């Protein structure tokens, strides 16, 4: 069953959450931040919480499920969607807007000697440094070249294009939190079987290390599909429904196959529930894949021609 915008006529958000558990044991390794380490914080009642995965990292994971490393292309379910490729002078692909953290704002796309895509963005957005930014027009432009970038947001910081003010916020976002956490301290030693007292600064010698993991009462992934922002882009019903079906398909894919977040953070999803709107049922992956194929056909004339936009790096 395809998801229709009519399913959400009385709500501005689709809110989902999934219960997660470590695939083995009880310990897990959260994301860490420079000069901070693990991001713990208190609940209002004093319980200790932990940010396991940030919104920025979750966006990367949700984009990664779109790419088939063996095919070196989009997964079969998303075949027919446009994106921007960065090629070397011999035609080999270096990277692309699906894999780049900043999507079409990647420096490999905008900062090379090939400025063809920059010129397209200038022309099609009609944005100047002293003009009002037409966000729906910009959204239609982004949808044309990489619909995934509409879902995950993009900020064109290049001053030559609209004074560096072209921005789409995330329509699809997520994060993972753990509740009532406690640290699980451990450690070990890197052994040097040849010279235990060697210069550790050069990689020799025995090196003891400390490791902090965590245990928790519960771990949950939260997902927010911002339907109000999506509607405000005025992309049209076919494009909106394609993006909504892709977004929910991405969540399914992440929960079923993409939760090896780190070496010591391998999680399994036990259930996915809808907290808003009441009465909405999440379709299965097969139904979503079928809806995506139909949506791609409906939107084909809206996509770039040729489908893949190439930029030469060098």
C-alpha atoms as a PDB file:
ATOM      1  CA  UNK A   1       0.000   0.000   0.000  1.00  0.00           C
ATOM      2  CA  UNK A   2       1.436   3.343  -1.060  1.00  0.00           C
ATOM      3  CA  UNK A   3       1.459   6.267   1.350  1.00  0.00           C
ATOM      4  CA  UNK A   4      -0.715   9.170   0.182  1.00  0.00           C
ATOM      5  CA  UNK A   5      -0.604  12.760   1.355  1.00  0.00           C
ATOM      6  CA  UNK A   6      -4.290  12.351   2.153  1.00  0.00           C
ATOM      7  CA  UNK A   7      -3.193  10.035   4.974  1.00  0.00           C
ATOM      8  CA  UNK A   8      -1.775  13.126   6.702  1.00  0.00           C
ATOM      9  CA  UNK A   9      -4.400  15.763   5.971  1.00  0.00           C
ATOM     10  CA  UNK A  10      -4.858  16.592   9.649  1.00  0.00           C
ATOM     11  CA  UNK A  11      -1.224  16.520  10.785  1.00  0.00           C
ATOM     12  CA  UNK A  12       2.044  18.320  10.122  1.00  0.00           C
ATOM     13  CA  UNK A  13       4.355  15.558  11.364  1.00  0.00           C
ATOM     14  CA  UNK A  14       4.811  11.842  10.968  1.00  0.00           C
ATOM     15  CA  UNK A  15       6.495  10.701  14.183  1.00  0.00           C
ATOM     16  CA  UNK A  16       7.914   7.193  14.513  1.00  0.00           C
ATOM     17  CA  UNK A  17       9.967   5.472  17.182  1.00  0.00           C
ATOM     18  CA  UNK A  18      11.676   2.104  17.391  1.00  0.00           C
ATOM     19  CA  UNK A  19      12.852   0.101  20.399  1.00  0.00           C
ATOM     20  CA  UNK A  20      16.476  -1.008  19.963  1.00  0.00           C
ATOM     21  CA  UNK A  21      18.586  -3.566  21.834  1.00  0.00           C
ATOM     22  CA  UNK A  22      22.225  -4.644  21.480  1.00  0.00           C
ATOM     23  CA  UNK A  23      22.452  -7.738  19.277  1.00  0.00           C
ATOM     24  CA  UNK A  24      24.678  -9.366  21.917  1.00  0.00           C
ATOM     25  CA  UNK A  25      25.111  -8.647  25.598  1.00  0.00           C
ATOM     26  CA  UNK A  26      23.996  -5.395  27.182  1.00  0.00           C
ATOM     27  CA  UNK A  27      26.832  -2.927  26.489  1.00  0.00           C
ATOM     28  CA  UNK A  28      26.989  -0.455  23.609  1.00  0.00           C
ATOM     29  CA  UNK A  29      29.285   2.342  22.475  1.00  0.00           C
ATOM     30  CA  UNK A  30      27.646   5.761  21.892  1.00  0.00           C
ATOM     31  CA  UNK A  31      28.791   8.457  19.541  1.00  0.00           C
ATOM     32  CA  UNK A  32      31.535  10.679  20.918  1.00  0.00           C
ATOM     33  CA  UNK A  33      32.356  14.345  20.409  1.00  0.00           C
ATOM     34  CA  UNK A  34      35.707  16.192  20.534  1.00  0.00           C
ATOM     35  CA  UNK A  35      36.434  17.699  23.969  1.00  0.00           C
ATOM     36  CA  UNK A  36      33.191  16.167  25.250  1.00  0.00           C
ATOM     37  CA  UNK A  37      33.200  12.401  24.856  1.00  0.00           C
ATOM     38  CA  UNK A  38      29.860  10.683  25.339  1.00  0.00           C
ATOM     39  CA  UNK A  39      26.888  13.088  25.375  1.00  0.00           C
ATOM     40  CA  UNK A  40      25.120  12.367  28.656  1.00  0.00           C
ATOM     41  CA  UNK A  41      22.434  14.640  30.060  1.00  0.00           C
ATOM     42  CA  UNK A  42      19.894  14.538  32.902  1.00  0.00           C
ATOM     43  CA  UNK A  43      16.162  14.028  32.502  1.00  0.00           C
ATOM     44  CA  UNK A  44      13.909  16.504  34.253  1.00  0.00           C
ATOM     45  CA  UNK A  45      13.412  13.913  37.044  1.00  0.00           C
ATOM     46  CA  UNK A  46      17.163  13.395  37.424  1.00  0.00           C
ATOM     47  CA  UNK A  47      17.581  10.175  35.451  1.00  0.00           C
ATOM     48  CA  UNK A  48      20.680   9.944  33.263  1.00  0.00           C
ATOM     49  CA  UNK A  49      20.150  10.032  29.499  1.00  0.00           C
ATOM     50  CA  UNK A  50      22.606   9.457  26.658  1.00  0.00           C
ATOM     51  CA  UNK A  51      22.647  10.584  23.034  1.00  0.00           C
ATOM     52  CA  UNK A  52      23.603   7.412  21.168  1.00  0.00           C
ATOM     53  CA  UNK A  53      23.423   8.868  17.652  1.00  0.00           C
ATOM     54  CA  UNK A  54      23.033  12.517  16.600  1.00  0.00           C
ATOM     55  CA  UNK A  55      20.738  13.954  13.935  1.00  0.00           C
ATOM     56  CA  UNK A  56      23.734  14.669  11.703  1.00  0.00           C
ATOM     57  CA  UNK A  57      24.985  11.098  11.932  1.00  0.00           C
ATOM     58  CA  UNK A  58      21.507   9.642  11.419  1.00  0.00           C
ATOM     59  CA  UNK A  59      21.179  11.626   8.193  1.00  0.00           C
ATOM     60  CA  UNK A  60      24.382   9.991   6.966  1.00  0.00           C
ATOM     61  CA  UNK A  61      23.093   6.538   7.888  1.00  0.00           C
ATOM     62  CA  UNK A  62      19.739   7.176   6.189  1.00  0.00           C
ATOM     63  CA  UNK A  63      21.531   8.233   3.014  1.00  0.00           C
ATOM     64  CA  UNK A  64      23.907   5.281   3.126  1.00  0.00           C
ATOM     65  CA  UNK A  65      21.030   2.789   2.756  1.00  0.00           C
ATOM     66  CA  UNK A  66      20.404   4.258  -0.714  1.00  0.00           C
ATOM     67  CA  UNK A  67      23.785   3.208  -2.093  1.00  0.00           C
ATOM     68  CA  UNK A  68      24.837  -0.230  -3.339  1.00  0.00           C
ATOM     69  CA  UNK A  69      28.611  -0.500  -3.030  1.00  0.00           C
ATOM     70  CA  UNK A  70      28.783  -3.540  -5.297  1.00  0.00           C
ATOM     71  CA  UNK A  71      26.784  -1.866  -8.071  1.00  0.00           C
ATOM     72  CA  UNK A  72      28.478   1.468  -7.357  1.00  0.00           C
ATOM     73  CA  UNK A  73      25.070   3.000  -7.910  1.00  0.00           C
ATOM     74  CA  UNK A  74      21.741   3.512  -6.202  1.00  0.00           C
ATOM     75  CA  UNK A  75      20.053   0.396  -4.854  1.00  0.00           C
ATOM     76  CA  UNK A  76      17.579  -1.189  -7.240  1.00  0.00           C
ATOM     77  CA  UNK A  77      14.543   0.180  -5.378  1.00  0.00           C
ATOM     78  CA  UNK A  78      15.666   3.748  -6.134  1.00  0.00           C
ATOM     79  CA  UNK A  79      16.812   3.240  -9.728  1.00  0.00           C
ATOM     80  CA  UNK A  80      15.599   6.136 -11.840  1.00  0.00           C
ATOM     81  CA  UNK A  81      16.274   8.879  -9.290  1.00  0.00           C
ATOM     82  CA  UNK A  82      18.688  11.624 -10.355  1.00  0.00           C
ATOM     83  CA  UNK A  83      21.855  12.634  -8.536  1.00  0.00           C
ATOM     84  CA  UNK A  84      25.057  14.546  -9.217  1.00  0.00           C
ATOM     85  CA  UNK A  85      28.259  12.601  -9.943  1.00  0.00           C
ATOM     86  CA  UNK A  86      31.803  13.879  -9.544  1.00  0.00           C
ATOM     87  CA  UNK A  87      34.092  12.305 -12.145  1.00  0.00           C
ATOM     88  CA  UNK A  88      37.828  12.365 -12.667  1.00  0.00           C
ATOM     89  CA  UNK A  89      39.289  13.339 -16.036  1.00  0.00           C
ATOM     90  CA  UNK A  90      39.150   9.694 -17.152  1.00  0.00           C
ATOM     91  CA  UNK A  91      35.442   9.382 -16.388  1.00  0.00           C
ATOM     92  CA  UNK A  92      35.793   7.438 -13.148  1.00  0.00           C
ATOM     93  CA  UNK A  93      33.436   8.386 -10.330  1.00  0.00           C
ATOM     94  CA  UNK A  94      35.141  10.007  -7.347  1.00  0.00           C
ATOM     95  CA  UNK A  95      32.026  10.726  -5.281  1.00  0.00           C
ATOM     96  CA  UNK A  96      28.444  11.929  -5.699  1.00  0.00           C
ATOM     97  CA  UNK A  97      25.679  13.923  -4.031  1.00  0.00           C
ATOM     98  CA  UNK A  98      24.205  10.804  -2.382  1.00  0.00           C
ATOM     99  CA  UNK A  99      27.432   9.971  -0.554  1.00  0.00           C
ATOM    100  CA  UNK A 100      28.610  13.498   0.255  1.00  0.00           C
ATOM    101  CA  UNK A 101      27.651  14.747   3.729  1.00  0.00           C
ATOM    102  CA  UNK A 102      26.738  18.175   2.338  1.00  0.00           C
ATOM    103  CA  UNK A 103      24.953  16.695  -0.677  1.00  0.00           C
ATOM    104  CA  UNK A 104      24.939  19.082  -3.663  1.00  0.00           C
ATOM    105  CA  UNK A 105      26.856  21.624  -1.571  1.00  0.00           C
ATOM    106  CA  UNK A 106      29.886  19.328  -1.607  1.00  0.00           C
ATOM    107  CA  UNK A 107      33.092  21.220  -2.481  1.00  0.00           C
ATOM    108  CA  UNK A 108      33.800  18.481  -5.011  1.00  0.00           C
ATOM    109  CA  UNK A 109      30.631  19.568  -6.826  1.00  0.00           C
ATOM    110  CA  UNK A 110      30.826  23.347  -6.432  1.00  0.00           C
ATOM    111  CA  UNK A 111      34.490  24.230  -5.988  1.00  0.00           C
ATOM    112  CA  UNK A 112      36.272  22.537  -8.904  1.00  0.00           C
ATOM    113  CA  UNK A 113      37.353  24.076 -12.194  1.00  0.00           C
ATOM    114  CA  UNK A 114      34.200  22.680 -13.834  1.00  0.00           C
ATOM    115  CA  UNK A 115      31.599  25.289 -12.870  1.00  0.00           C
ATOM    116  CA  UNK A 116      28.823  23.976 -15.126  1.00  0.00           C
ATOM    117  CA  UNK A 117      26.617  22.897 -12.228  1.00  0.00           C
ATOM    118  CA  UNK A 118      27.219  26.180 -10.410  1.00  0.00           C
ATOM    119  CA  UNK A 119      25.983  28.047 -13.479  1.00  0.00           C
ATOM    120  CA  UNK A 120      22.875  25.841 -13.646  1.00  0.00           C
ATOM    121  CA  UNK A 121      22.062  26.596 -10.016  1.00  0.00           C
ATOM    122  CA  UNK A 122      22.529  30.323 -10.587  1.00  0.00           C
ATOM    123  CA  UNK A 123      20.208  30.297 -13.580  1.00  0.00           C
ATOM    124  CA  UNK A 124      17.514  27.973 -12.239  1.00  0.00           C
ATOM    125  CA  UNK A 125      17.245  29.476  -8.753  1.00  0.00           C
ATOM    126  CA  UNK A 126      17.484  33.058 -10.085  1.00  0.00           C
ATOM    127  CA  UNK A 127      18.929  33.957  -6.678  1.00  0.00           C
ATOM    128  CA  UNK A 128      21.279  36.901  -6.265  1.00  0.00           C
ATOM    129  CA  UNK A 129      23.060  38.321  -3.242  1.00  0.00           C
ATOM    130  CA  UNK A 130      20.464  41.086  -2.827  1.00  0.00           C
ATOM    131  CA  UNK A 131      17.281  39.277  -3.895  1.00  0.00           C
ATOM    132  CA  UNK A 132      14.592  37.612  -1.814  1.00  0.00           C
ATOM    133  CA  UNK A 133      15.159  33.856  -1.701  1.00  0.00           C
ATOM    134  CA  UNK A 134      12.393  31.859  -3.380  1.00  0.00           C
ATOM    135  CA  UNK A 135      12.555  28.680  -1.293  1.00  0.00           C
ATOM    136  CA  UNK A 136       9.936  26.687  -3.278  1.00  0.00           C
ATOM    137  CA  UNK A 137      11.814  27.484  -6.478  1.00  0.00           C
ATOM    138  CA  UNK A 138      15.052  26.328  -4.887  1.00  0.00           C
ATOM    139  CA  UNK A 139      13.340  23.136  -3.628  1.00  0.00           C
ATOM    140  CA  UNK A 140      12.105  22.350  -7.151  1.00  0.00           C
ATOM    141  CA  UNK A 141      15.648  22.832  -8.432  1.00  0.00           C
ATOM    142  CA  UNK A 142      17.096  20.504  -5.796  1.00  0.00           C
ATOM    143  CA  UNK A 143      14.365  17.923  -6.479  1.00  0.00           C
ATOM    144  CA  UNK A 144      15.321  18.002 -10.152  1.00  0.00           C
ATOM    145  CA  UNK A 145      18.950  17.081  -9.511  1.00  0.00           C
ATOM    146  CA  UNK A 146      18.769  15.026  -6.284  1.00  0.00           C
ATOM    147  CA  UNK A 147      15.423  14.413  -4.532  1.00  0.00           C
ATOM    148  CA  UNK A 148      17.242  12.869  -1.562  1.00  0.00           C
ATOM    149  CA  UNK A 149      18.768  16.269  -0.842  1.00  0.00           C
ATOM    150  CA  UNK A 150      15.244  17.661  -0.375  1.00  0.00           C
ATOM    151  CA  UNK A 151      14.646  15.077   2.348  1.00  0.00           C
ATOM    152  CA  UNK A 152      17.934  15.582   4.164  1.00  0.00           C
ATOM    153  CA  UNK A 153      18.393  19.309   3.621  1.00  0.00           C
ATOM    154  CA  UNK A 154      21.069  21.329   1.901  1.00  0.00           C
ATOM    155  CA  UNK A 155      22.754  24.670   2.448  1.00  0.00           C
ATOM    156  CA  UNK A 156      24.410  26.240  -0.592  1.00  0.00           C
ATOM    157  CA  UNK A 157      27.023  28.355   1.178  1.00  0.00           C
ATOM    158  CA  UNK A 158      28.687  29.527  -2.034  1.00  0.00           C
ATOM    159  CA  UNK A 159      28.365  33.329  -2.203  1.00  0.00           C
ATOM    160  CA  UNK A 160      28.065  33.355  -5.985  1.00  0.00           C
ATOM    161  CA  UNK A 161      24.698  31.585  -5.669  1.00  0.00           C
ATOM    162  CA  UNK A 162      22.168  33.729  -3.840  1.00  0.00           C
ATOM    163  CA  UNK A 163      24.796  35.257  -1.591  1.00  0.00           C
ATOM    164  CA  UNK A 164      25.275  31.915   0.192  1.00  0.00           C
ATOM    165  CA  UNK A 165      21.731  31.982   1.576  1.00  0.00           C
ATOM    166  CA  UNK A 166      20.047  29.076  -0.225  1.00  0.00           C
ATOM    167  CA  UNK A 167      18.972  26.626   2.457  1.00  0.00           C
ATOM    168  CA  UNK A 168      16.551  23.733   2.804  1.00  0.00           C
ATOM    169  CA  UNK A 169      16.162  22.382   6.325  1.00  0.00           C
ATOM    170  CA  UNK A 170      15.848  18.667   6.979  1.00  0.00           C
ATOM    171  CA  UNK A 171      12.436  17.209   6.159  1.00  0.00           C
ATOM    172  CA  UNK A 172      13.464  13.808   7.521  1.00  0.00           C
ATOM    173  CA  UNK A 173      15.430  13.738  10.766  1.00  0.00           C
ATOM    174  CA  UNK A 174      16.198  11.223  13.470  1.00  0.00           C
ATOM    175  CA  UNK A 175      18.255  10.522  16.560  1.00  0.00           C
ATOM    176  CA  UNK A 176      18.848   7.687  19.038  1.00  0.00           C
ATOM    177  CA  UNK A 177      18.665   8.104  22.820  1.00  0.00           C
ATOM    178  CA  UNK A 178      19.232   5.742  25.727  1.00  0.00           C
ATOM    179  CA  UNK A 179      17.362   6.077  29.027  1.00  0.00           C
ATOM    180  CA  UNK A 180      18.631   5.519  32.581  1.00  0.00           C
ATOM    181  CA  UNK A 181      22.193   4.813  31.505  1.00  0.00           C
ATOM    182  CA  UNK A 182      25.224   3.715  33.486  1.00  0.00           C
ATOM    183  CA  UNK A 183      28.847   3.598  32.329  1.00  0.00           C
ATOM    184  CA  UNK A 184      30.501   0.220  31.795  1.00  0.00           C
ATOM    185  CA  UNK A 185      34.215   0.825  32.276  1.00  0.00           C
ATOM    186  CA  UNK A 186      36.817  -1.497  30.817  1.00  0.00           C
ATOM    187  CA  UNK A 187      40.168  -1.359  29.100  1.00  0.00           C
ATOM    188  CA  UNK A 188      43.035  -3.311  27.672  1.00  0.00           C
ATOM    189  CA  UNK A 189      46.607  -3.211  26.455  1.00  0.00           C
ATOM    190  CA  UNK A 190      48.053  -3.012  22.958  1.00  0.00           C
ATOM    191  CA  UNK A 191      50.872  -5.553  23.140  1.00  0.00           C
ATOM    192  CA  UNK A 192      54.300  -5.264  21.561  1.00  0.00           C
ATOM    193  CA  UNK A 193      55.711  -8.804  21.430  1.00  0.00           C
ATOM    194  CA  UNK A 194      59.125  -7.577  20.232  1.00  0.00           C
ATOM    195  CA  UNK A 195      59.916  -4.498  22.315  1.00  0.00           C
ATOM    196  CA  UNK A 196      57.480  -3.912  25.199  1.00  0.00           C
ATOM    197  CA  UNK A 197      59.353  -0.763  26.308  1.00  0.00           C
ATOM    198  CA  UNK A 198      59.629   0.790  22.839  1.00  0.00           C
ATOM    199  CA  UNK A 199      58.690   4.362  21.903  1.00  0.00           C
ATOM    200  CA  UNK A 200      54.890   4.434  22.143  1.00  0.00           C
ATOM    201  CA  UNK A 201      54.805   7.716  20.201  1.00  0.00           C
ATOM    202  CA  UNK A 202      56.002   5.777  17.168  1.00  0.00           C
ATOM    203  CA  UNK A 203      53.676   2.827  17.681  1.00  0.00           C
ATOM    204  CA  UNK A 204      56.046   0.584  19.672  1.00  0.00           C
ATOM    205  CA  UNK A 205      55.755  -0.752  23.208  1.00  0.00           C
ATOM    206  CA  UNK A 206      52.894  -1.884  25.438  1.00  0.00           C
ATOM    207  CA  UNK A 207      50.083   0.720  25.446  1.00  0.00           C
ATOM    208  CA  UNK A 208      47.338   0.401  28.081  1.00  0.00           C
ATOM    209  CA  UNK A 209      44.030   2.056  27.237  1.00  0.00           C
ATOM    210  CA  UNK A 210      40.744   2.903  28.925  1.00  0.00           C
ATOM    211  CA  UNK A 211      37.326   2.263  27.380  1.00  0.00           C
ATOM    212  CA  UNK A 212      33.883   3.505  28.434  1.00  0.00           C
ATOM    213  CA  UNK A 213      30.746   1.834  27.129  1.00  0.00           C
ATOM    214  CA  UNK A 214      27.229   2.047  28.531  1.00  0.00           C
ATOM    215  CA  UNK A 215      24.260  -0.035  29.603  1.00  0.00           C
ATOM    216  CA  UNK A 216      20.702   1.314  29.607  1.00  0.00           C
ATOM    217  CA  UNK A 217      17.137   0.509  30.599  1.00  0.00           C
ATOM    218  CA  UNK A 218      16.023   1.275  27.062  1.00  0.00           C
ATOM    219  CA  UNK A 219      17.356   2.522  23.720  1.00  0.00           C
ATOM    220  CA  UNK A 220      15.044   4.166  21.200  1.00  0.00           C
ATOM    221  CA  UNK A 221      15.383   5.591  17.715  1.00  0.00           C
ATOM    222  CA  UNK A 222      13.141   8.557  16.911  1.00  0.00           C
ATOM    223  CA  UNK A 223      12.182   9.735  13.420  1.00  0.00           C
ATOM    224  CA  UNK A 224      10.422  12.949  12.394  1.00  0.00           C
ATOM    225  CA  UNK A 225       9.056  13.535   8.897  1.00  0.00           C
ATOM    226  CA  UNK A 226       8.217  17.240   8.662  1.00  0.00           C
ATOM    227  CA  UNK A 227       5.144  17.237   6.424  1.00  0.00           C
ATOM    228  CA  UNK A 228       4.461  20.953   6.939  1.00  0.00           C
ATOM    229  CA  UNK A 229       7.845  21.937   5.518  1.00  0.00           C
ATOM    230  CA  UNK A 230       7.443  19.489   2.643  1.00  0.00           C
ATOM    231  CA  UNK A 231       4.057  20.979   1.733  1.00  0.00           C
ATOM    232  CA  UNK A 232       5.513  24.493   1.908  1.00  0.00           C
ATOM    233  CA  UNK A 233       7.905  23.640  -0.923  1.00  0.00           C
ATOM    234  CA  UNK A 234       4.933  23.364  -3.316  1.00  0.00           C
ATOM    235  CA  UNK A 235       6.475  20.451  -5.188  1.00  0.00           C
ATOM    236  CA  UNK A 236       3.114  18.952  -6.114  1.00  0.00           C
ATOM    237  CA  UNK A 237       1.339  15.846  -4.857  1.00  0.00           C
ATOM    238  CA  UNK A 238       3.279  13.293  -6.955  1.00  0.00           C
ATOM    239  CA  UNK A 239       6.646  14.629  -5.773  1.00  0.00           C
ATOM    240  CA  UNK A 240       5.499  14.885  -2.152  1.00  0.00           C
ATOM    241  CA  UNK A 241       4.219  11.317  -2.121  1.00  0.00           C
ATOM    242  CA  UNK A 242       7.401  10.020  -3.758  1.00  0.00           C
ATOM    243  CA  UNK A 243       9.504  11.718  -1.075  1.00  0.00           C
ATOM    244  CA  UNK A 244       7.303  10.458   1.774  1.00  0.00           C
ATOM    245  CA  UNK A 245       7.470   6.881   0.497  1.00  0.00           C
ATOM    246  CA  UNK A 246      11.255   7.139   0.089  1.00  0.00           C
ATOM    247  CA  UNK A 247      11.593   8.554   3.620  1.00  0.00           C
ATOM    248  CA  UNK A 248       9.650   5.719   5.244  1.00  0.00           C
ATOM    249  CA  UNK A 249      11.482   3.150   3.082  1.00  0.00           C
ATOM    250  CA  UNK A 250      14.805   4.603   4.305  1.00  0.00           C
ATOM    251  CA  UNK A 251      13.697   4.190   7.924  1.00  0.00           C
ATOM    252  CA  UNK A 252      12.721   0.562   7.272  1.00  0.00           C
ATOM    253  CA  UNK A 253      16.071  -0.095   5.603  1.00  0.00           C
ATOM    254  CA  UNK A 254      18.075   1.511   8.388  1.00  0.00           C
ATOM    255  CA  UNK A 255      16.268  -0.452  11.086  1.00  0.00           C
ATOM    256  CA  UNK A 256      16.528  -3.762   9.246  1.00  0.00           C
ATOM    257  CA  UNK A 257      20.099  -3.611   7.992  1.00  0.00           C
ATOM    258  CA  UNK A 258      21.951  -0.441   8.954  1.00  0.00           C
ATOM    259  CA  UNK A 259      22.269  -0.386  12.742  1.00  0.00           C
ATOM    260  CA  UNK A 260      25.926  -1.455  12.991  1.00  0.00           C
ATOM    261  CA  UNK A 261      26.746   2.097  13.980  1.00  0.00           C
ATOM    262  CA  UNK A 262      30.233   1.380  15.366  1.00  0.00           C
ATOM    263  CA  UNK A 263      32.386  -1.620  16.176  1.00  0.00           C
ATOM    264  CA  UNK A 264      30.894  -1.837  19.671  1.00  0.00           C
ATOM    265  CA  UNK A 265      27.440  -0.479  18.809  1.00  0.00           C
ATOM    266  CA  UNK A 266      25.510  -3.116  16.900  1.00  0.00           C
ATOM    267  CA  UNK A 267      21.787  -2.770  17.521  1.00  0.00           C
ATOM    268  CA  UNK A 268      18.620  -4.629  16.571  1.00  0.00           C
ATOM    269  CA  UNK A 269      15.191  -3.035  16.127  1.00  0.00           C
ATOM    270  CA  UNK A 270      12.416  -4.848  17.984  1.00  0.00           C
ATOM    271  CA  UNK A 271       9.398  -2.790  16.964  1.00  0.00           C
ATOM    272  CA  UNK A 272       8.469   0.353  15.021  1.00  0.00           C
ATOM    273  CA  UNK A 273       5.515   2.355  16.277  1.00  0.00           C
ATOM    274  CA  UNK A 274       3.672   5.453  15.096  1.00  0.00           C
ATOM    275  CA  UNK A 275       3.167   8.138  17.724  1.00  0.00           C
ATOM    276  CA  UNK A 276       1.589  10.618  15.293  1.00  0.00           C
ATOM    277  CA  UNK A 277      -0.842  10.660  13.512  1.00  0.00           C
ATOM    278  CA  UNK A 278      -3.137   8.289  15.348  1.00  0.00           C
ATOM    279  CA  UNK A 279      -4.381   5.457  13.170  1.00  0.00           C
ATOM    280  CA  UNK A 280      -1.613   5.562  10.579  1.00  0.00           C
ATOM    281  CA  UNK A 281      -0.050   2.177   9.774  1.00  0.00           C
ATOM    282  CA  UNK A 282       3.461   2.010   8.337  1.00  0.00           C
ATOM    283  CA  UNK A 283       3.470   0.005   5.083  1.00  0.00           C
ATOM    284  CA  UNK A 284       5.930  -2.842   4.627  1.00  0.00           C
ATOM    285  CA  UNK A 285       9.105  -2.463   2.575  1.00  0.00           C
ATOM    286  CA  UNK A 286       7.732  -4.285  -0.477  1.00  0.00           C
ATOM    287  CA  UNK A 287       4.716  -1.970  -0.680  1.00  0.00           C
ATOM    288  CA  UNK A 288       6.920   1.087  -0.275  1.00  0.00           C
ATOM    289  CA  UNK A 289       9.334  -0.131  -2.979  1.00  0.00           C
ATOM    290  CA  UNK A 290       6.416  -0.576  -5.377  1.00  0.00           C
ATOM    291  CA  UNK A 291       5.113   2.902  -4.544  1.00  0.00           C
ATOM    292  CA  UNK A 292       8.576   4.375  -5.111  1.00  0.00           C
ATOM    293  CA  UNK A 293       8.857   2.802  -8.574  1.00  0.00           C
ATOM    294  CA  UNK A 294       5.434   4.203  -9.497  1.00  0.00           C
ATOM    295  CA  UNK A 295       6.348   7.605  -8.066  1.00  0.00           C
ATOM    296  CA  UNK A 296       9.601   7.748 -10.028  1.00  0.00           C
ATOM    297  CA  UNK A 297       7.676   7.114 -13.246  1.00  0.00           C
ATOM    298  CA  UNK A 298       5.185   9.876 -12.408  1.00  0.00           C
ATOM    299  CA  UNK A 299       7.957  12.372 -11.643  1.00  0.00           C
ATOM    300  CA  UNK A 300      10.344  11.395 -14.444  1.00  0.00           C
ATOM    301  CA  UNK A 301       9.660  14.574 -16.428  1.00  0.00           C
ATOM    302  CA  UNK A 302      10.627  16.644 -13.374  1.00  0.00           C
ATOM    303  CA  UNK A 303      14.108  15.120 -13.197  1.00  0.00           C
ATOM    304  CA  UNK A 304      17.290  16.308 -14.884  1.00  0.00           C
ATOM    305  CA  UNK A 305      17.884  15.238 -18.479  1.00  0.00           C
ATOM    306  CA  UNK A 306      20.212  13.396 -18.656  1.00  0.00           C
ATOM    307  CA  UNK A 307      19.262  11.814 -15.349  1.00  0.00           C
ATOM    308  CA  UNK A 308      22.764  11.954 -13.889  1.00  0.00           C
ATOM    309  CA  UNK A 309      24.486  15.320 -13.790  1.00  0.00           C
ATOM    310  CA  UNK A 310      28.252  15.009 -14.150  1.00  0.00           C
ATOM    311  CA  UNK A 311      30.855  17.412 -12.789  1.00  0.00           C
ATOM    312  CA  UNK A 312      34.525  16.935 -13.638  1.00  0.00           C
ATOM    313  CA  UNK A 313      36.887  17.325 -10.689  1.00  0.00           C
ATOM    314  CA  UNK A 314      40.382  18.609 -11.314  1.00  0.00           C
END
